[in-house]
N, C-alpha and C. Protein backbone atom coordinates (compact mmCIF):
# COMPACT_ATOMS: atom_id res chain seq x y z
N MET A 1 12.05 -20.37 3.73
CA MET A 1 11.89 -19.78 4.98
C MET A 1 10.83 -18.55 4.93
N ARG A 2 10.09 -18.59 5.99
CA ARG A 2 9.10 -17.49 5.97
C ARG A 2 9.42 -16.24 6.37
N ASN A 3 8.83 -15.25 5.78
CA ASN A 3 9.20 -13.93 6.29
C ASN A 3 8.79 -13.65 7.68
N ILE A 4 9.53 -12.64 8.39
CA ILE A 4 9.15 -12.11 9.61
C ILE A 4 8.24 -10.95 9.47
N VAL A 5 7.09 -11.11 10.30
CA VAL A 5 6.22 -9.96 10.09
C VAL A 5 6.18 -9.15 11.41
N ASN A 6 6.35 -7.77 11.32
CA ASN A 6 6.33 -6.87 12.67
C ASN A 6 5.07 -5.92 12.34
N TYR A 7 4.51 -5.53 13.63
CA TYR A 7 3.57 -4.67 13.53
C TYR A 7 3.95 -3.43 14.56
N GLU A 8 3.74 -2.22 14.22
CA GLU A 8 4.02 -1.13 15.00
C GLU A 8 2.82 0.01 14.83
N TRP A 9 2.67 0.75 15.93
CA TRP A 9 1.73 1.66 15.91
C TRP A 9 2.46 2.99 15.51
N ASP A 10 1.88 3.95 14.75
CA ASP A 10 2.62 5.25 14.48
C ASP A 10 1.74 6.25 14.43
N TRP A 11 2.33 7.39 15.01
CA TRP A 11 1.59 8.56 14.89
C TRP A 11 2.30 9.32 13.77
N GLU A 12 1.72 9.80 12.77
CA GLU A 12 2.45 10.64 11.78
C GLU A 12 1.99 12.04 11.80
N GLU A 13 2.98 12.86 11.89
CA GLU A 13 2.61 14.44 11.88
C GLU A 13 2.68 14.70 10.51
N ASN A 14 1.78 15.41 9.85
CA ASN A 14 1.81 15.91 8.54
C ASN A 14 1.28 17.31 8.48
N GLU A 15 1.68 17.82 7.23
CA GLU A 15 1.46 19.33 6.98
C GLU A 15 -0.09 19.71 6.70
N LEU A 16 -0.72 18.67 6.14
CA LEU A 16 -2.22 19.19 5.61
C LEU A 16 -3.23 18.52 6.43
N CYS A 17 -2.89 17.71 7.38
CA CYS A 17 -4.05 16.92 8.13
C CYS A 17 -4.75 16.20 7.19
N THR A 18 -4.24 15.63 6.23
CA THR A 18 -4.89 14.59 5.30
C THR A 18 -3.89 13.35 5.18
N LEU A 19 -4.59 12.20 4.85
CA LEU A 19 -3.76 11.02 4.63
C LEU A 19 -2.62 11.24 3.55
N ASP A 20 -2.86 12.19 2.71
CA ASP A 20 -1.87 12.30 1.56
C ASP A 20 -0.92 13.66 1.87
N GLY A 21 -0.88 14.18 2.95
CA GLY A 21 0.02 15.35 3.18
C GLY A 21 1.49 14.87 3.47
N ASP A 22 2.15 15.66 3.24
CA ASP A 22 3.72 15.38 3.57
C ASP A 22 3.94 14.96 5.02
N ILE A 23 4.52 13.96 5.24
CA ILE A 23 4.81 13.67 6.80
C ILE A 23 6.07 14.41 7.01
N ILE A 24 6.10 14.88 8.19
CA ILE A 24 6.93 15.51 8.97
C ILE A 24 7.87 14.69 9.83
N GLU A 25 7.14 13.85 10.56
CA GLU A 25 7.70 13.01 11.70
C GLU A 25 6.90 11.89 11.94
N HIS A 26 7.63 10.70 12.53
CA HIS A 26 6.92 9.56 12.94
C HIS A 26 7.19 9.32 14.35
N TRP A 27 6.22 8.77 14.97
CA TRP A 27 6.33 8.35 16.29
C TRP A 27 6.02 6.79 16.50
N PHE A 28 6.60 5.91 16.52
CA PHE A 28 6.51 4.55 16.43
C PHE A 28 6.45 3.91 17.91
N SER A 29 5.50 2.93 18.19
CA SER A 29 5.42 2.31 19.52
C SER A 29 4.89 0.84 19.31
N LYS A 30 5.05 0.16 20.30
CA LYS A 30 4.60 -1.27 20.25
C LYS A 30 2.99 -1.25 20.57
N LYS A 31 2.56 -0.27 21.37
CA LYS A 31 1.20 -0.09 21.88
C LYS A 31 0.61 1.09 21.38
N PRO A 32 -0.51 1.59 21.14
CA PRO A 32 -0.87 2.86 20.81
C PRO A 32 -0.75 3.77 21.95
N GLU A 33 -0.26 4.99 21.73
CA GLU A 33 -0.07 5.93 22.84
C GLU A 33 -0.64 7.09 22.36
N PRO A 34 -1.12 7.90 23.49
CA PRO A 34 -1.74 9.40 23.29
C PRO A 34 -0.88 10.16 22.26
N ARG A 35 -1.54 10.92 21.62
CA ARG A 35 -1.02 11.86 20.53
C ARG A 35 0.29 12.63 21.09
N PRO A 36 1.22 12.69 20.27
CA PRO A 36 2.56 13.44 20.74
C PRO A 36 2.11 14.77 21.24
N SER A 37 1.29 15.47 20.61
CA SER A 37 1.21 16.97 21.04
C SER A 37 -0.30 17.20 20.60
N ASP A 38 -0.78 18.40 21.38
CA ASP A 38 -2.09 18.82 21.03
C ASP A 38 -2.13 19.70 19.88
N LYS A 39 -0.93 20.15 19.39
CA LYS A 39 -0.72 21.01 18.38
C LYS A 39 -0.23 20.23 17.09
N GLY A 40 -0.68 20.79 15.96
CA GLY A 40 -0.23 20.06 14.58
C GLY A 40 -1.39 19.12 14.28
N HIS A 41 -0.97 18.58 13.04
CA HIS A 41 -1.91 17.70 12.52
C HIS A 41 -1.28 16.13 12.48
N TYR A 42 -2.12 15.37 12.92
CA TYR A 42 -1.44 13.93 13.16
C TYR A 42 -2.54 12.79 12.63
N ALA A 43 -1.95 11.70 12.21
CA ALA A 43 -2.74 10.51 11.71
C ALA A 43 -2.23 9.32 12.48
N LEU A 44 -3.00 8.54 13.13
CA LEU A 44 -2.65 7.39 13.69
C LEU A 44 -2.85 6.07 12.82
N CYS A 45 -1.87 5.33 12.66
CA CYS A 45 -1.85 4.13 11.85
C CYS A 45 -1.23 2.89 12.47
N LEU A 46 -1.52 1.63 11.89
CA LEU A 46 -0.93 0.54 12.20
C LEU A 46 -0.10 0.16 11.05
N MET A 47 1.16 -0.10 11.27
CA MET A 47 2.04 -0.40 10.35
C MET A 47 2.28 -1.97 10.36
N ARG A 48 2.47 -2.65 9.24
CA ARG A 48 2.68 -4.01 9.03
C ARG A 48 3.94 -4.10 8.10
N ALA A 49 4.96 -4.66 8.59
CA ALA A 49 6.11 -4.81 7.74
C ALA A 49 6.64 -6.30 7.58
N GLU A 50 6.86 -6.58 6.42
CA GLU A 50 7.43 -8.15 6.28
C GLU A 50 8.94 -8.05 5.96
N TRP A 51 9.69 -8.93 6.71
CA TRP A 51 11.25 -8.79 6.51
C TRP A 51 11.47 -10.17 6.05
N ASN A 52 12.62 -10.24 5.20
CA ASN A 52 13.26 -11.54 4.63
C ASN A 52 14.20 -11.75 5.73
N PRO A 53 14.10 -13.04 6.49
CA PRO A 53 15.18 -13.29 7.54
C PRO A 53 16.52 -13.71 6.98
N ILE A 54 16.53 -14.01 5.76
CA ILE A 54 17.93 -14.35 5.24
C ILE A 54 18.73 -13.11 4.94
N ASP A 55 18.13 -12.18 4.04
CA ASP A 55 19.02 -11.03 3.82
C ASP A 55 18.71 -9.75 4.56
N GLY A 56 17.50 -9.82 5.45
CA GLY A 56 17.25 -8.72 6.32
C GLY A 56 16.57 -7.66 5.36
N ASN A 57 16.17 -7.81 4.25
CA ASN A 57 15.40 -6.75 3.42
C ASN A 57 14.02 -6.74 3.80
N CYS A 58 13.48 -5.66 3.74
CA CYS A 58 12.14 -5.39 3.94
C CYS A 58 11.35 -5.67 2.67
N GLU A 59 10.57 -6.71 2.67
CA GLU A 59 9.65 -7.04 1.47
C GLU A 59 8.47 -6.20 1.28
N GLY A 60 8.05 -5.50 2.11
CA GLY A 60 6.89 -4.50 1.94
C GLY A 60 6.35 -4.22 3.20
N GLN A 61 5.68 -3.02 3.09
CA GLN A 61 4.98 -2.42 4.24
C GLN A 61 3.65 -2.01 4.01
N GLU A 62 2.77 -2.07 4.71
CA GLU A 62 1.32 -1.62 4.68
C GLU A 62 0.92 -0.83 5.84
N TYR A 63 0.24 0.40 5.72
CA TYR A 63 -0.23 1.25 6.67
C TYR A 63 -1.76 1.22 6.75
N LEU A 64 -2.30 1.02 7.93
CA LEU A 64 -3.68 0.96 8.18
C LEU A 64 -4.11 2.24 8.92
N TYR A 65 -4.68 3.13 8.28
CA TYR A 65 -5.04 4.54 8.99
C TYR A 65 -6.34 4.37 9.78
N VAL A 66 -6.41 4.93 11.00
CA VAL A 66 -7.46 5.22 11.74
C VAL A 66 -8.28 6.37 11.19
N GLU A 67 -9.62 6.28 10.73
CA GLU A 67 -10.23 7.34 10.11
C GLU A 67 -11.62 7.45 10.91
N ASP A 68 -11.84 8.80 11.35
CA ASP A 68 -13.07 8.95 12.04
C ASP A 68 -13.34 8.08 13.18
N GLY A 69 -12.15 7.69 13.91
CA GLY A 69 -12.01 6.82 15.18
C GLY A 69 -12.29 5.49 14.84
N ILE A 70 -12.05 5.03 13.68
CA ILE A 70 -12.28 3.63 13.24
C ILE A 70 -11.01 3.07 12.74
N LEU A 71 -10.63 1.91 13.29
CA LEU A 71 -9.37 1.14 12.60
C LEU A 71 -10.14 0.08 11.63
N PRO A 72 -9.91 0.07 10.40
CA PRO A 72 -10.36 -0.86 9.60
C PRO A 72 -10.15 -2.22 9.82
N ASP A 73 -10.81 -3.23 9.49
CA ASP A 73 -10.52 -4.63 9.63
C ASP A 73 -9.31 -5.26 9.10
N LYS A 74 -9.01 -4.92 7.74
CA LYS A 74 -7.97 -5.38 6.99
C LYS A 74 -7.18 -4.28 6.34
N PHE A 75 -5.89 -4.73 6.00
CA PHE A 75 -4.87 -3.84 5.28
C PHE A 75 -5.30 -4.04 3.96
N ASP A 76 -4.73 -3.05 3.16
CA ASP A 76 -5.16 -3.01 1.59
C ASP A 76 -4.75 -4.29 0.98
N ASN A 77 -3.82 -5.24 1.46
CA ASN A 77 -3.49 -6.25 0.84
C ASN A 77 -4.29 -7.53 1.35
N GLY A 78 -5.39 -7.22 2.13
CA GLY A 78 -6.32 -8.21 2.51
C GLY A 78 -5.84 -8.83 3.71
N VAL A 79 -4.77 -8.53 4.38
CA VAL A 79 -4.41 -9.27 5.68
C VAL A 79 -5.17 -8.68 6.80
N PRO A 80 -5.95 -9.45 7.50
CA PRO A 80 -6.64 -8.82 8.76
C PRO A 80 -5.81 -8.42 9.90
N VAL A 81 -6.30 -7.57 10.55
CA VAL A 81 -5.64 -6.78 11.75
C VAL A 81 -5.67 -7.96 12.86
N PRO A 82 -4.40 -8.45 13.42
CA PRO A 82 -4.45 -9.46 14.57
C PRO A 82 -5.30 -8.97 15.54
N VAL A 83 -5.85 -9.91 16.36
CA VAL A 83 -6.69 -9.52 17.39
C VAL A 83 -6.05 -8.91 18.43
N LYS A 84 -4.67 -9.13 18.80
CA LYS A 84 -3.79 -8.40 19.75
C LYS A 84 -4.10 -6.90 19.46
N TYR A 85 -3.80 -6.43 18.30
CA TYR A 85 -3.73 -5.05 17.88
C TYR A 85 -5.07 -4.46 17.94
N ARG A 86 -6.11 -5.28 17.57
CA ARG A 86 -7.54 -4.78 17.67
C ARG A 86 -7.82 -4.55 19.16
N LYS A 87 -7.47 -5.42 19.97
CA LYS A 87 -7.70 -5.28 21.50
C LYS A 87 -7.06 -4.00 21.87
N GLN A 88 -5.77 -3.76 21.51
CA GLN A 88 -4.94 -2.56 21.81
C GLN A 88 -5.68 -1.33 21.63
N PHE A 89 -6.13 -1.26 20.34
CA PHE A 89 -6.92 -0.11 19.81
C PHE A 89 -8.06 0.20 20.45
N ASP A 90 -8.91 -0.88 20.84
CA ASP A 90 -10.27 -0.86 21.50
C ASP A 90 -9.92 -0.19 23.00
N THR A 91 -8.98 -0.70 23.63
CA THR A 91 -8.56 -0.06 24.77
C THR A 91 -8.22 1.41 24.84
N PHE A 92 -7.38 1.66 23.75
CA PHE A 92 -6.95 3.07 23.57
C PHE A 92 -8.11 3.94 23.30
N VAL A 93 -9.19 3.61 22.47
CA VAL A 93 -10.25 4.47 22.45
C VAL A 93 -11.01 4.49 23.62
N LYS A 94 -11.20 3.47 24.36
CA LYS A 94 -11.98 3.40 25.63
C LYS A 94 -11.53 4.38 26.68
N ASN A 95 -10.08 4.48 26.64
CA ASN A 95 -9.35 5.35 27.73
C ASN A 95 -9.42 6.79 27.10
N GLY A 96 -9.93 7.07 26.05
CA GLY A 96 -10.01 8.55 25.41
C GLY A 96 -8.80 8.95 24.98
N TRP A 97 -7.79 8.16 24.73
CA TRP A 97 -6.53 8.52 24.25
C TRP A 97 -6.58 9.04 22.64
N LEU A 98 -7.49 8.74 21.94
CA LEU A 98 -7.55 9.02 20.52
C LEU A 98 -7.75 10.68 20.45
N GLU A 99 -8.38 11.06 21.50
CA GLU A 99 -8.58 12.72 21.50
C GLU A 99 -7.37 13.27 22.36
N ASN A 100 -6.55 12.40 22.66
CA ASN A 100 -5.32 12.84 23.49
C ASN A 100 -5.72 13.22 24.98
N LYS A 101 -6.68 12.54 25.66
CA LYS A 101 -7.25 12.81 26.82
C LYS A 101 -7.14 11.67 27.77
N LYS A 102 -6.42 11.64 28.65
CA LYS A 102 -6.12 10.40 29.58
C LYS A 102 -7.17 10.50 30.79
N LYS A 103 -7.90 9.34 30.98
CA LYS A 103 -8.87 9.34 32.00
C LYS A 103 -8.38 8.92 33.33
């Protein structure tokens, strides 16, 4: 039986405003949403998780971070970003939400 794959967007609040900073909080959503706050240091990422449908165990997670306003095309394991999530991100950027500004 094949693993179940889930994708979620995540704003991570971290202490150092770097991708290797300690994560304080997560805000998961099915579609990208504006940053939770104007204050603090945040990183937006797309999470990909594989679940074993038999025992319910998570078989692996990958995080794809937006850097300099760009969502990379592939996760580190070589899996491409599905078209659905690419379109969601493009709309998110077009609406100015990456800078937390609604048009």
